[in-house]
C-alpha atoms as a PDB file:
ATOM      1  CA  MET A   1     -19.986  -7.277 -14.518  1.00  0.00           C
ATOM      2  CA  THR A   2     -17.407  -8.864 -12.229  1.00  0.00           C
ATOM      3  CA  THR A   3     -18.383  -9.014  -8.562  1.00  0.00           C
ATOM      4  CA  ILE A   4     -16.074  -8.373  -5.623  1.00  0.00           C
ATOM      5  CA  ALA A   5     -16.276 -12.048  -4.666  1.00  0.00           C
ATOM      6  CA  GLU A   6     -15.240 -13.123  -8.173  1.00  0.00           C
ATOM      7  CA  PHE A   7     -12.309 -10.698  -8.174  1.00  0.00           C
ATOM      8  CA  LYS A   8     -11.104 -11.930  -4.792  1.00  0.00           C
ATOM      9  CA  LYS A   9     -11.459 -15.557  -5.912  1.00  0.00           C
ATOM     10  CA  GLU A  10      -9.332 -14.887  -8.987  1.00  0.00           C
ATOM     11  CA  LEU A  11      -6.555 -13.391  -6.865  1.00  0.00           C
ATOM     12  CA  ASN A  12      -6.652 -16.058  -4.173  1.00  0.00           C
ATOM     13  CA  GLN A  13      -6.387 -18.831  -6.757  1.00  0.00           C
ATOM     14  CA  ALA A  14      -3.266 -17.217  -8.209  1.00  0.00           C
ATOM     15  CA  ILE A  15      -1.244 -16.953  -5.001  1.00  0.00           C
ATOM     16  CA  ILE A  16      -1.772 -19.453  -2.210  1.00  0.00           C
ATOM     17  CA  GLY A  17      -2.338 -18.219   1.340  1.00  0.00           C
ATOM     18  CA  ARG A  18      -2.356 -14.464   0.646  1.00  0.00           C
ATOM     19  CA  GLU A  19      -6.064 -13.678   1.073  1.00  0.00           C
ATOM     20  CA  LYS A  20      -5.446 -10.999   3.723  1.00  0.00           C
ATOM     21  CA  GLU A  21      -2.725  -9.265   1.705  1.00  0.00           C
ATOM     22  CA  PHE A  22      -4.814  -9.219  -1.487  1.00  0.00           C
ATOM     23  CA  ASN A  23      -7.776  -7.837   0.457  1.00  0.00           C
ATOM     24  CA  MET A  24      -5.606  -4.986   1.754  1.00  0.00           C
ATOM     25  CA  MET A  25      -4.261  -4.319  -1.755  1.00  0.00           C
ATOM     26  CA  LEU A  26      -7.826  -4.101  -3.086  1.00  0.00           C
ATOM     27  CA  ILE A  27      -8.679  -1.616  -0.326  1.00  0.00           C
ATOM     28  CA  ALA A  28      -5.655   0.449  -1.352  1.00  0.00           C
ATOM     29  CA  LEU A  29      -6.666   0.389  -5.023  1.00  0.00           C
ATOM     30  CA  LEU A  30     -10.180   1.626  -4.223  1.00  0.00           C
ATOM     31  CA  GLN A  31      -8.744   4.354  -2.002  1.00  0.00           C
ATOM     32  CA  GLN A  32      -5.944   5.245  -4.454  1.00  0.00           C
ATOM     33  CA  GLY A  33      -3.597   4.405  -1.609  1.00  0.00           C
ATOM     34  CA  HIS A  34      -0.191   2.767  -1.788  1.00  0.00           C
ATOM     35  CA  VAL A  35       1.158  -0.493  -0.411  1.00  0.00           C
ATOM     36  CA  LEU A  36       4.632  -1.431   0.812  1.00  0.00           C
ATOM     37  CA  LEU A  37       5.312  -5.191   0.703  1.00  0.00           C
ATOM     38  CA  GLU A  38       8.128  -6.378   2.949  1.00  0.00           C
ATOM     39  CA  SER A  39       9.471  -9.898   3.284  1.00  0.00           C
ATOM     40  CA  VAL A  40      12.561 -12.020   2.853  1.00  0.00           C
ATOM     41  CA  PRO A  41      13.734 -12.953  -0.676  1.00  0.00           C
ATOM     42  CA  GLY A  42      11.749 -15.624  -2.490  1.00  0.00           C
ATOM     43  CA  SER A  43       8.461 -15.096  -0.674  1.00  0.00           C
ATOM     44  CA  GLY A  44       6.549 -13.893  -3.738  1.00  0.00           C
ATOM     45  CA  LYS A  45       6.335 -10.106  -3.244  1.00  0.00           C
ATOM     46  CA  THR A  46       6.885  -9.263  -6.900  1.00  0.00           C
ATOM     47  CA  MET A  47       4.662 -12.082  -8.078  1.00  0.00           C
ATOM     48  CA  MET A  48       1.880 -10.866  -5.777  1.00  0.00           C
ATOM     49  CA  ALA A  49       2.121  -7.362  -7.200  1.00  0.00           C
ATOM     50  CA  LYS A  50       2.161  -8.579 -10.805  1.00  0.00           C
ATOM     51  CA  SER A  51      -0.742 -10.975 -10.205  1.00  0.00           C
ATOM     52  CA  PHE A  52      -2.795  -8.197  -8.640  1.00  0.00           C
ATOM     53  CA  ALA A  53      -2.030  -5.775 -11.472  1.00  0.00           C
ATOM     54  CA  ASN A  54      -2.761  -8.438 -14.101  1.00  0.00           C
ATOM     55  CA  ALA A  55      -6.301  -8.831 -12.732  1.00  0.00           C
ATOM     56  CA  PHE A  56      -6.897  -5.136 -13.468  1.00  0.00           C
ATOM     57  CA  LYS A  57      -7.483  -3.905 -17.034  1.00  0.00           C
ATOM     58  CA  GLY A  58      -5.682  -0.604 -16.496  1.00  0.00           C
ATOM     59  CA  LEU A  59      -2.082   0.412 -17.142  1.00  0.00           C
ATOM     60  CA  PHE A  60       0.715  -1.345 -15.278  1.00  0.00           C
ATOM     61  CA  LYS A  61       4.398  -0.417 -15.279  1.00  0.00           C
ATOM     62  CA  ARG A  62       7.397  -1.551 -13.304  1.00  0.00           C
ATOM     63  CA  VAL A  63      10.634   0.077 -12.161  1.00  0.00           C
ATOM     64  CA  GLN A  64      13.466  -2.102 -10.867  1.00  0.00           C
ATOM     65  CA  PHE A  65      15.169   0.233  -8.428  1.00  0.00           C
ATOM     66  CA  THR A  66      18.967   0.287  -8.209  1.00  0.00           C
ATOM     67  CA  PRO A  67      21.361   2.988  -6.961  1.00  0.00           C
ATOM     68  CA  ASP A  68      21.918   4.322 -10.500  1.00  0.00           C
ATOM     69  CA  VAL A  69      18.213   4.938 -11.232  1.00  0.00           C
ATOM     70  CA  LEU A  70      17.618   8.689 -11.541  1.00  0.00           C
ATOM     71  CA  PRO A  71      14.475  10.690 -10.632  1.00  0.00           C
ATOM     72  CA  SER A  72      13.858  11.359 -14.326  1.00  0.00           C
ATOM     73  CA  ASP A  73      13.866   7.594 -14.927  1.00  0.00           C
ATOM     74  CA  VAL A  74      10.746   7.483 -12.757  1.00  0.00           C
ATOM     75  CA  THR A  75       8.866  10.708 -13.452  1.00  0.00           C
ATOM     76  CA  GLY A  76       9.925  11.448 -17.043  1.00  0.00           C
ATOM     77  CA  ILE A  77      12.095  13.999 -18.803  1.00  0.00           C
ATOM     78  CA  ARG A  78      12.082  16.646 -21.498  1.00  0.00           C
ATOM     79  CA  PHE A  79      14.743  16.055 -24.151  1.00  0.00           C
ATOM     80  CA  TYR A  80      15.822  18.091 -27.147  1.00  0.00           C
ATOM     81  CA  ASN A  81      14.747  16.707 -30.510  1.00  0.00           C
ATOM     82  CA  PRO A  82      17.163  18.007 -33.170  1.00  0.00           C
ATOM     83  CA  GLN A  83      14.718  17.161 -35.981  1.00  0.00           C
ATOM     84  CA  THR A  84      11.929  19.367 -34.635  1.00  0.00           C
ATOM     85  CA  GLN A  85      14.351  21.699 -32.812  1.00  0.00           C
ATOM     86  CA  ASP A  86      12.094  21.564 -29.799  1.00  0.00           C
ATOM     87  CA  PHE A  87      11.950  19.920 -26.395  1.00  0.00           C
ATOM     88  CA  VAL A  88       9.788  16.797 -26.245  1.00  0.00           C
ATOM     89  CA  LEU A  89       8.257  15.254 -23.140  1.00  0.00           C
ATOM     90  CA  LYS A  90       8.980  11.593 -22.520  1.00  0.00           C
ATOM     91  CA  GLU A  91       6.664  10.309 -19.808  1.00  0.00           C
ATOM     92  CA  GLY A  92       8.151   8.119 -17.114  1.00  0.00           C
ATOM     93  CA  PRO A  93       6.758   4.834 -15.816  1.00  0.00           C
ATOM     94  CA  VAL A  94       4.941   6.757 -13.062  1.00  0.00           C
ATOM     95  CA  SER A  95       2.320   7.685 -15.680  1.00  0.00           C
ATOM     96  CA  THR A  96       0.259   4.566 -15.118  1.00  0.00           C
ATOM     97  CA  ASN A  97      -2.537   3.157 -12.978  1.00  0.00           C
ATOM     98  CA  ILE A  98      -0.440   0.675 -10.998  1.00  0.00           C
ATOM     99  CA  LEU A  99       3.295   1.185 -10.551  1.00  0.00           C
ATOM    100  CA  LEU A 100       5.468  -1.606  -9.170  1.00  0.00           C
ATOM    101  CA  ALA A 101       8.442   0.000  -7.420  1.00  0.00           C
ATOM    102  CA  ASP A 102      10.491  -3.155  -6.997  1.00  0.00           C
ATOM    103  CA  GLU A 103      13.090  -3.095  -4.201  1.00  0.00           C
ATOM    104  CA  ILE A 104      12.462   0.589  -3.596  1.00  0.00           C
ATOM    105  CA  ASN A 105      15.037   0.787  -0.799  1.00  0.00           C
ATOM    106  CA  ARG A 106      17.848   0.112  -3.305  1.00  0.00           C
ATOM    107  CA  ALA A 107      17.288   3.538  -4.872  1.00  0.00           C
ATOM    108  CA  THR A 108      19.020   6.617  -3.519  1.00  0.00           C
ATOM    109  CA  PRO A 109      17.024   9.061  -1.341  1.00  0.00           C
ATOM    110  CA  ARG A 110      16.976  11.510  -4.258  1.00  0.00           C
ATOM    111  CA  THR A 111      15.233   8.977  -6.479  1.00  0.00           C
ATOM    112  CA  GLN A 112      12.936   7.760  -3.702  1.00  0.00           C
ATOM    113  CA  SER A 113      11.771  11.323  -3.132  1.00  0.00           C
ATOM    114  CA  SER A 114      10.777  11.637  -6.792  1.00  0.00           C
ATOM    115  CA  LEU A 115       7.718   9.577  -5.905  1.00  0.00           C
ATOM    116  CA  LEU A 116       6.566  11.841  -3.068  1.00  0.00           C
ATOM    117  CA  GLU A 117       4.553  14.235  -5.224  1.00  0.00           C
ATOM    118  CA  ALA A 118       3.033  11.406  -7.240  1.00  0.00           C
ATOM    119  CA  MET A 119       2.027   9.395  -4.168  1.00  0.00           C
ATOM    120  CA  GLU A 120       0.449  12.307  -2.302  1.00  0.00           C
ATOM    121  CA  GLU A 121      -0.938  14.553  -5.035  1.00  0.00           C
ATOM    122  CA  ARG A 122      -1.260  12.109  -7.968  1.00  0.00           C
ATOM    123  CA  GLN A 123       0.713  14.400 -10.234  1.00  0.00           C
ATOM    124  CA  VAL A 124       4.297  14.968 -11.395  1.00  0.00           C
ATOM    125  CA  THR A 125       6.140  18.191 -12.175  1.00  0.00           C
ATOM    126  CA  ILE A 126       8.711  18.138 -14.974  1.00  0.00           C
ATOM    127  CA  ASP A 127      10.638  21.320 -15.772  1.00  0.00           C
ATOM    128  CA  GLY A 128       7.978  23.435 -14.087  1.00  0.00           C
ATOM    129  CA  GLU A 129       5.027  21.795 -15.851  1.00  0.00           C
ATOM    130  CA  THR A 130       2.596  19.820 -13.700  1.00  0.00           C
ATOM    131  CA  MET A 131       0.774  16.827 -15.169  1.00  0.00           C
ATOM    132  CA  LYS A 132      -1.993  14.806 -13.599  1.00  0.00           C
ATOM    133  CA  LEU A 133      -1.547  11.046 -13.344  1.00  0.00           C
ATOM    134  CA  PRO A 134      -4.152   8.539 -14.544  1.00  0.00           C
ATOM    135  CA  THR A 135      -7.006   7.568 -12.214  1.00  0.00           C
ATOM    136  CA  PRO A 136      -6.742   5.366 -10.242  1.00  0.00           C
ATOM    137  CA  PHE A 137      -3.069   5.626  -9.337  1.00  0.00           C
ATOM    138  CA  MET A 138      -1.439   3.172  -6.962  1.00  0.00           C
ATOM    139  CA  VAL A 139       2.167   2.392  -6.034  1.00  0.00           C
ATOM    140  CA  ILE A 140       3.026  -1.144  -4.930  1.00  0.00           C
ATOM    141  CA  ALA A 141       6.557  -1.056  -3.536  1.00  0.00           C
ATOM    142  CA  THR A 142       8.636  -3.987  -2.314  1.00  0.00           C
ATOM    143  CA  GLN A 143      11.633  -4.154  -0.033  1.00  0.00           C
ATOM    144  CA  ASN A 144      13.815  -6.761   1.614  1.00  0.00           C
ATOM    145  CA  PRO A 145      14.280  -6.150   5.374  1.00  0.00           C
ATOM    146  CA  ILE A 146      17.388  -8.292   5.873  1.00  0.00           C
ATOM    147  CA  GLU A 147      19.718  -6.244   3.665  1.00  0.00           C
ATOM    148  CA  SER A 148      19.409  -2.921   5.478  1.00  0.00           C
ATOM    149  CA  GLN A 149      23.197  -2.506   5.637  1.00  0.00           C
ATOM    150  CA  GLN A 150      24.052  -3.820   2.168  1.00  0.00           C
ATOM    151  CA  GLY A 151      23.750  -0.999  -0.333  1.00  0.00           C
ATOM    152  CA  THR A 152      20.208   0.002   0.579  1.00  0.00           C
ATOM    153  CA  PHE A 153      18.654   3.283   1.684  1.00  0.00           C
ATOM    154  CA  PRO A 154      15.861   2.948   4.283  1.00  0.00           C
ATOM    155  CA  LEU A 155      12.742   4.926   3.448  1.00  0.00           C
ATOM    156  CA  PRO A 156      12.404   8.064   5.600  1.00  0.00           C
ATOM    157  CA  ALA A 157       9.386   8.599   7.858  1.00  0.00           C
ATOM    158  CA  ALA A 158       7.915  11.192   5.482  1.00  0.00           C
ATOM    159  CA  GLN A 159       7.771   8.650   2.666  1.00  0.00           C
ATOM    160  CA  LEU A 160       6.564   5.772   4.828  1.00  0.00           C
ATOM    161  CA  ASP A 161       3.674   7.996   5.928  1.00  0.00           C
ATOM    162  CA  ARG A 162       2.498   8.135   2.322  1.00  0.00           C
ATOM    163  CA  PHE A 163       1.906   4.383   2.191  1.00  0.00           C
ATOM    164  CA  LEU A 164      -1.618   3.438   3.179  1.00  0.00           C
ATOM    165  CA  PHE A 165      -0.463  -0.032   4.242  1.00  0.00           C
ATOM    166  CA  LYS A 166       2.752  -1.819   5.003  1.00  0.00           C
ATOM    167  CA  LEU A 167       2.219  -5.559   4.661  1.00  0.00           C
ATOM    168  CA  VAL A 168       4.850  -7.777   6.272  1.00  0.00           C
ATOM    169  CA  ILE A 169       4.582 -11.144   4.552  1.00  0.00           C
ATOM    170  CA  ASP A 170       5.293 -14.173   6.700  1.00  0.00           C
ATOM    171  CA  TYR A 171       6.358 -17.611   5.535  1.00  0.00           C
ATOM    172  CA  PRO A 172       3.455 -19.815   4.364  1.00  0.00           C
ATOM    173  CA  THR A 173       2.171 -22.632   6.536  1.00  0.00           C
ATOM    174  CA  PHE A 174       3.350 -26.190   5.888  1.00  0.00           C
ATOM    175  CA  GLU A 175       0.139 -27.041   4.020  1.00  0.00           C
ATOM    176  CA  GLU A 176       0.283 -23.851   1.940  1.00  0.00           C
ATOM    177  CA  GLU A 177       3.911 -24.415   1.016  1.00  0.00           C
ATOM    178  CA  HIS A 178       3.160 -28.007   0.059  1.00  0.00           C
ATOM    179  CA  GLU A 179       0.421 -26.764  -2.266  1.00  0.00           C
ATOM    180  CA  ILE A 180       2.861 -24.219  -3.757  1.00  0.00           C
ATOM    181  CA  LEU A 181       5.262 -27.060  -4.576  1.00  0.00           C
ATOM    182  CA  ARG A 182       2.471 -29.018  -6.226  1.00  0.00           C
ATOM    183  CA  GLN A 183       1.065 -26.175  -8.306  1.00  0.00           C
ATOM    184  CA  TYR A 184       4.175 -24.235  -9.328  1.00  0.00           C
ATOM    185  CA  SER A 185       6.855 -26.912  -9.756  1.00  0.00           C
ATOM    186  CA  LYS A 186       6.300 -27.033 -13.529  1.00  0.00           C
ATOM    187  CA  ALA A 187       5.950 -23.289 -14.133  1.00  0.00           C
ATOM    188  CA  PRO A 188       7.545 -21.250 -11.346  1.00  0.00           C
ATOM    189  CA  GLY A 189       6.839 -17.542 -11.584  1.00  0.00           C
ATOM    190  CA  GLU A 190       3.852 -17.964 -13.902  1.00  0.00           C
ATOM    191  CA  ILE A 191       1.225 -15.194 -13.563  1.00  0.00           C
ATOM    192  CA  ARG A 192      -2.148 -16.916 -13.383  1.00  0.00           C
ATOM    193  CA  THR A 193      -4.644 -14.078 -13.066  1.00  0.00           C
ATOM    194  CA  LYS A 194      -6.735 -12.713 -15.907  1.00  0.00           C
ATOM    195  CA  ALA A 195      -8.021  -9.152 -16.236  1.00  0.00           C
ATOM    196  CA  LEU A 196     -11.455  -8.856 -14.643  1.00  0.00           C
ATOM    197  CA  ILE A 197     -12.067  -5.256 -13.586  1.00  0.00           C
ATOM    198  CA  ASP A 198     -11.490  -1.940 -15.365  1.00  0.00           C
ATOM    199  CA  THR A 199     -11.177   1.669 -14.243  1.00  0.00           C
ATOM    200  CA  ALA A 200     -14.956   2.163 -14.385  1.00  0.00           C
ATOM    201  CA  THR A 201     -15.497  -0.746 -11.985  1.00  0.00           C
ATOM    202  CA  VAL A 202     -12.854   0.606  -9.619  1.00  0.00           C
ATOM    203  CA  ALA A 203     -14.534   4.041  -9.709  1.00  0.00           C
ATOM    204  CA  GLU A 204     -17.944   2.498  -8.975  1.00  0.00           C
ATOM    205  CA  TRP A 205     -16.659   0.435  -6.050  1.00  0.00           C
ATOM    206  CA  SER A 206     -14.755   3.440  -4.712  1.00  0.00           C
ATOM    207  CA  LYS A 207     -17.928   5.549  -4.792  1.00  0.00           C
ATOM    208  CA  LYS A 208     -19.886   2.887  -2.901  1.00  0.00           C
ATOM    209  CA  ALA A 209     -17.086   2.596  -0.321  1.00  0.00           C
ATOM    210  CA  SER A 210     -17.078   6.365   0.201  1.00  0.00           C
ATOM    211  CA  ASP A 211     -20.816   6.218   0.970  1.00  0.00           C
ATOM    212  CA  VAL A 212     -20.285   3.859   3.919  1.00  0.00           C
ATOM    213  CA  MET A 213     -21.499   5.577   7.082  1.00  0.00           C
ATOM    214  CA  VAL A 214     -19.251   6.262  10.060  1.00  0.00           C
ATOM    215  CA  HIS A 215     -20.772   7.038  13.462  1.00  0.00           C
ATOM    216  CA  GLU A 216     -19.277   9.945  15.374  1.00  0.00           C
ATOM    217  CA  ASP A 217     -18.286   7.539  18.151  1.00  0.00           C
ATOM    218  CA  ILE A 218     -16.190   5.588  15.631  1.00  0.00           C
ATOM    219  CA  GLU A 219     -14.449   8.794  14.541  1.00  0.00           C
ATOM    220  CA  ARG A 220     -13.685   9.632  18.167  1.00  0.00           C
ATOM    221  CA  TYR A 221     -12.432   6.079  18.719  1.00  0.00           C
ATOM    222  CA  ILE A 222      -9.928   6.492  15.867  1.00  0.00           C
ATOM    223  CA  LEU A 223      -8.772   9.855  17.189  1.00  0.00           C
ATOM    224  CA  LYS A 224      -8.299   8.516  20.723  1.00  0.00           C
ATOM    225  CA  ILE A 225      -6.023   5.765  19.372  1.00  0.00           C
ATOM    226  CA  VAL A 226      -4.090   8.192  17.165  1.00  0.00           C
ATOM    227  CA  ARG A 227      -3.586  10.744  19.921  1.00  0.00           C
ATOM    228  CA  ALA A 228      -2.562   8.046  22.396  1.00  0.00           C
ATOM    229  CA  THR A 229       0.347   7.091  20.118  1.00  0.00           C
ATOM    230  CA  ARG A 230       1.577  10.697  20.203  1.00  0.00           C
ATOM    231  CA  GLU A 231       1.530  10.797  23.990  1.00  0.00           C
ATOM    232  CA  HIS A 232       3.047   7.389  24.729  1.00  0.00           C
ATOM    233  CA  PRO A 233       6.446   7.695  26.479  1.00  0.00           C
ATOM    234  CA  TYR A 234       7.921   4.794  24.505  1.00  0.00           C
ATOM    235  CA  LEU A 235       7.107   6.330  21.114  1.00  0.00           C
ATOM    236  CA  GLU A 236       9.315   8.927  19.474  1.00  0.00           C
ATOM    237  CA  LEU A 237       6.886   9.337  16.569  1.00  0.00           C
ATOM    238  CA  GLY A 238       3.140   8.808  16.804  1.00  0.00           C
ATOM    239  CA  LEU A 239       0.449   8.746  14.156  1.00  0.00           C
ATOM    240  CA  SER A 240      -0.200  11.793  11.985  1.00  0.00           C
ATOM    241  CA  SER A 241      -3.475  13.337  10.862  1.00  0.00           C
ATOM    242  CA  ARG A 242      -2.851  11.674   7.488  1.00  0.00           C
ATOM    243  CA  ALA A 243      -2.720   8.350   9.333  1.00  0.00           C
ATOM    244  CA  ALA A 244      -6.037   9.053  11.088  1.00  0.00           C
ATOM    245  CA  LEU A 245      -7.714   9.809   7.775  1.00  0.00           C
ATOM    246  CA  ALA A 246      -6.141   6.728   6.186  1.00  0.00           C
ATOM    247  CA  ILE A 247      -7.476   4.489   8.970  1.00  0.00           C
ATOM    248  CA  LEU A 248     -10.955   5.980   8.569  1.00  0.00           C
ATOM    249  CA  GLN A 249     -11.052   5.645   4.772  1.00  0.00           C
ATOM    250  CA  ALA A 250      -9.563   2.151   4.762  1.00  0.00           C
ATOM    251  CA  SER A 251     -12.065   0.998   7.404  1.00  0.00           C
ATOM    252  CA  LYS A 252     -14.953   2.267   5.266  1.00  0.00           C
ATOM    253  CA  THR A 253     -13.650   0.317   2.284  1.00  0.00           C
ATOM    254  CA  TYR A 254     -13.089  -2.784   4.430  1.00  0.00           C
ATOM    255  CA  ALA A 255     -16.710  -2.582   5.616  1.00  0.00           C
ATOM    256  CA  PHE A 256     -17.919  -2.191   2.014  1.00  0.00           C
ATOM    257  CA  LEU A 257     -15.929  -5.215   0.844  1.00  0.00           C
ATOM    258  CA  ASN A 258     -17.571  -7.208   3.624  1.00  0.00           C
ATOM    259  CA  GLY A 259     -21.065  -6.217   2.551  1.00  0.00           C
ATOM    260  CA  ARG A 260     -21.842  -3.567   5.182  1.00  0.00           C
ATOM    261  CA  ASP A 261     -22.789   0.106   4.890  1.00  0.00           C
ATOM    262  CA  PHE A 262     -21.397   1.055   8.288  1.00  0.00           C
ATOM    263  CA  VAL A 263     -18.045   0.800  10.101  1.00  0.00           C
ATOM    264  CA  THR A 264     -17.608  -1.180  13.312  1.00  0.00           C
ATOM    265  CA  PRO A 265     -14.847  -1.024  15.942  1.00  0.00           C
ATOM    266  CA  ASP A 266     -13.645  -4.425  14.731  1.00  0.00           C
ATOM    267  CA  ASP A 267     -13.072  -2.913  11.275  1.00  0.00           C
ATOM    268  CA  ILE A 268     -10.762  -0.359  12.871  1.00  0.00           C
ATOM    269  CA  LYS A 269      -8.884  -3.046  14.797  1.00  0.00           C
ATOM    270  CA  THR A 270      -8.439  -5.139  11.649  1.00  0.00           C
ATOM    271  CA  ILE A 271      -7.095  -2.254   9.581  1.00  0.00           C
ATOM    272  CA  LEU A 272      -4.971  -0.668  12.306  1.00  0.00           C
ATOM    273  CA  PRO A 273      -1.737  -2.756  12.314  1.00  0.00           C
ATOM    274  CA  SER A 274      -1.187  -2.528   8.554  1.00  0.00           C
ATOM    275  CA  ALA A 275      -2.084   1.175   8.466  1.00  0.00           C
ATOM    276  CA  ALA A 276      -0.277   2.312  11.629  1.00  0.00           C
ATOM    277  CA  LEU A 277       2.857   0.355  12.527  1.00  0.00           C
ATOM    278  CA  HIS A 278       5.045   1.713   9.717  1.00  0.00           C
ATOM    279  CA  ARG A 279       4.118   5.254  10.748  1.00  0.00           C
ATOM    280  CA  MET A 280       5.335   4.843  14.328  1.00  0.00           C
ATOM    281  CA  GLU A 281       8.879   4.958  15.751  1.00  0.00           C
ATOM    282  CA  LEU A 282      10.066   3.748  19.148  1.00  0.00           C
ATOM    283  CA  SER A 283      11.970   6.036  21.483  1.00  0.00           C
ATOM    284  CA  THR A 284      15.408   5.040  22.763  1.00  0.00           C
ATOM    285  CA  GLU A 285      13.845   3.623  25.916  1.00  0.00           C
ATOM    286  CA  GLY A 286      11.052   1.989  23.961  1.00  0.00           C
ATOM    287  CA  VAL A 287      13.476   0.037  21.766  1.00  0.00           C
ATOM    288  CA  LEU A 288      14.769  -1.701  24.891  1.00  0.00           C
ATOM    289  CA  THR A 289      11.329  -2.405  26.289  1.00  0.00           C
ATOM    290  CA  LYS A 290       8.614  -3.163  23.749  1.00  0.00           C
ATOM    291  CA  SER A 291       7.924  -3.899  20.095  1.00  0.00           C
ATOM    292  CA  LEU A 292       5.756  -1.560  18.060  1.00  0.00           C
ATOM    293  CA  HIS A 293       3.147  -4.270  17.669  1.00  0.00           C
ATOM    294  CA  ASP A 294       2.957  -4.842  21.437  1.00  0.00           C
ATOM    295  CA  LEU A 295       2.660  -1.108  22.100  1.00  0.00           C
ATOM    296  CA  LEU A 296      -0.147  -0.706  19.581  1.00  0.00           C
ATOM    297  CA  ASP A 297      -1.990  -3.665  21.125  1.00  0.00           C
ATOM    298  CA  GLU A 298      -1.647  -2.079  24.564  1.00  0.00           C
ATOM    299  CA  ILE A 299      -2.965   1.250  23.328  1.00  0.00           C
ATOM    300  CA  VAL A 300      -5.970  -0.338  21.625  1.00  0.00           C
ATOM    301  CA  PHE A 301      -6.704  -2.452  24.714  1.00  0.00           C
ATOM    302  CA  SER A 302      -6.598   0.637  26.943  1.00  0.00           C
ATOM    303  CA  ILE A 303      -9.218   2.529  24.925  1.00  0.00           C
ATOM    304  CA  PRO A 304     -12.806   1.283  25.283  1.00  0.00           C
ATOM    305  CA  ALA A 305     -14.412   0.533  21.933  1.00  0.00           C
ATOM    306  CA  PRO A 306     -17.795   2.170  21.271  1.00  0.00           C
ATOM    307  CA  ILE A 307     -20.785  -0.118  21.640  1.00  0.00           C
ATOM    308  CA  GLU A 308     -23.477  -0.403  18.976  1.00  0.00           C
ATOM    309  CA  ALA A 309     -21.902   2.436  17.050  1.00  0.00           C
ATOM    310  CA  THR A 310     -23.722   1.704  13.822  1.00  0.00           C
ATOM    311  CA  VAL A 311     -25.744   4.001  11.599  1.00  0.00           C
END
């Protein structure tokens, strides 16, 4: 059976310098959470998603979002079959384990919202009939932040809140980019991962992650941070209860992946930026004063972390 270390090694060999991002994507898979990848063109978002999905033996489908993609193109449709004189269900690409929603902000709000039910409830409703999606189910969405005024539709707060993580991908370091030139000059875009884990392995790891213990002081620490974002004068929108639960669950999985059966305050601090920043919005005054990242750092610094809060 493949170990966690072997799975991580396979991913990290495929894409250079993305260890943190792959670790967060693995956390999301075990939690049946969703990931939004954001970076400038040519930084490897789609390749990261495909490499991650290729290392998993489950179903993988992709939707290239454009303004003319309809909700039924994502969820599925019932069509009339003249031969049988009956309506037949054609499942959409959402019926999969991992769905790559490429350039999701190019789709219209109507089409974007077709994913809301699937992302939150892991089901789709077509013509009044509700169907469960395969387990696990994970959406990996990508978007380009520099084309916000060029035929794109920014995701609303309600949909952003359904993503467990938003990962903003920076440029690689000089050494990493040099290695990319060396390794990929002959076969750019080649997917180099091989399938290592199946749905049973994911279910087993998820169960072990759910058994990680969380001290009551850690729970209170999370809630203090969450509630502080709601009360901050520079924030128009603070963290929701869904965000608090996401931070807790993701921290448990992070601890499990690092070989521990308990959550520490440092686990919370590591998870927090990726799980929280996309769920927060600055007020009018805040936009002129601080960045979201600076505000979150200030909030975390102002709340004492529990000491020796292990179980």
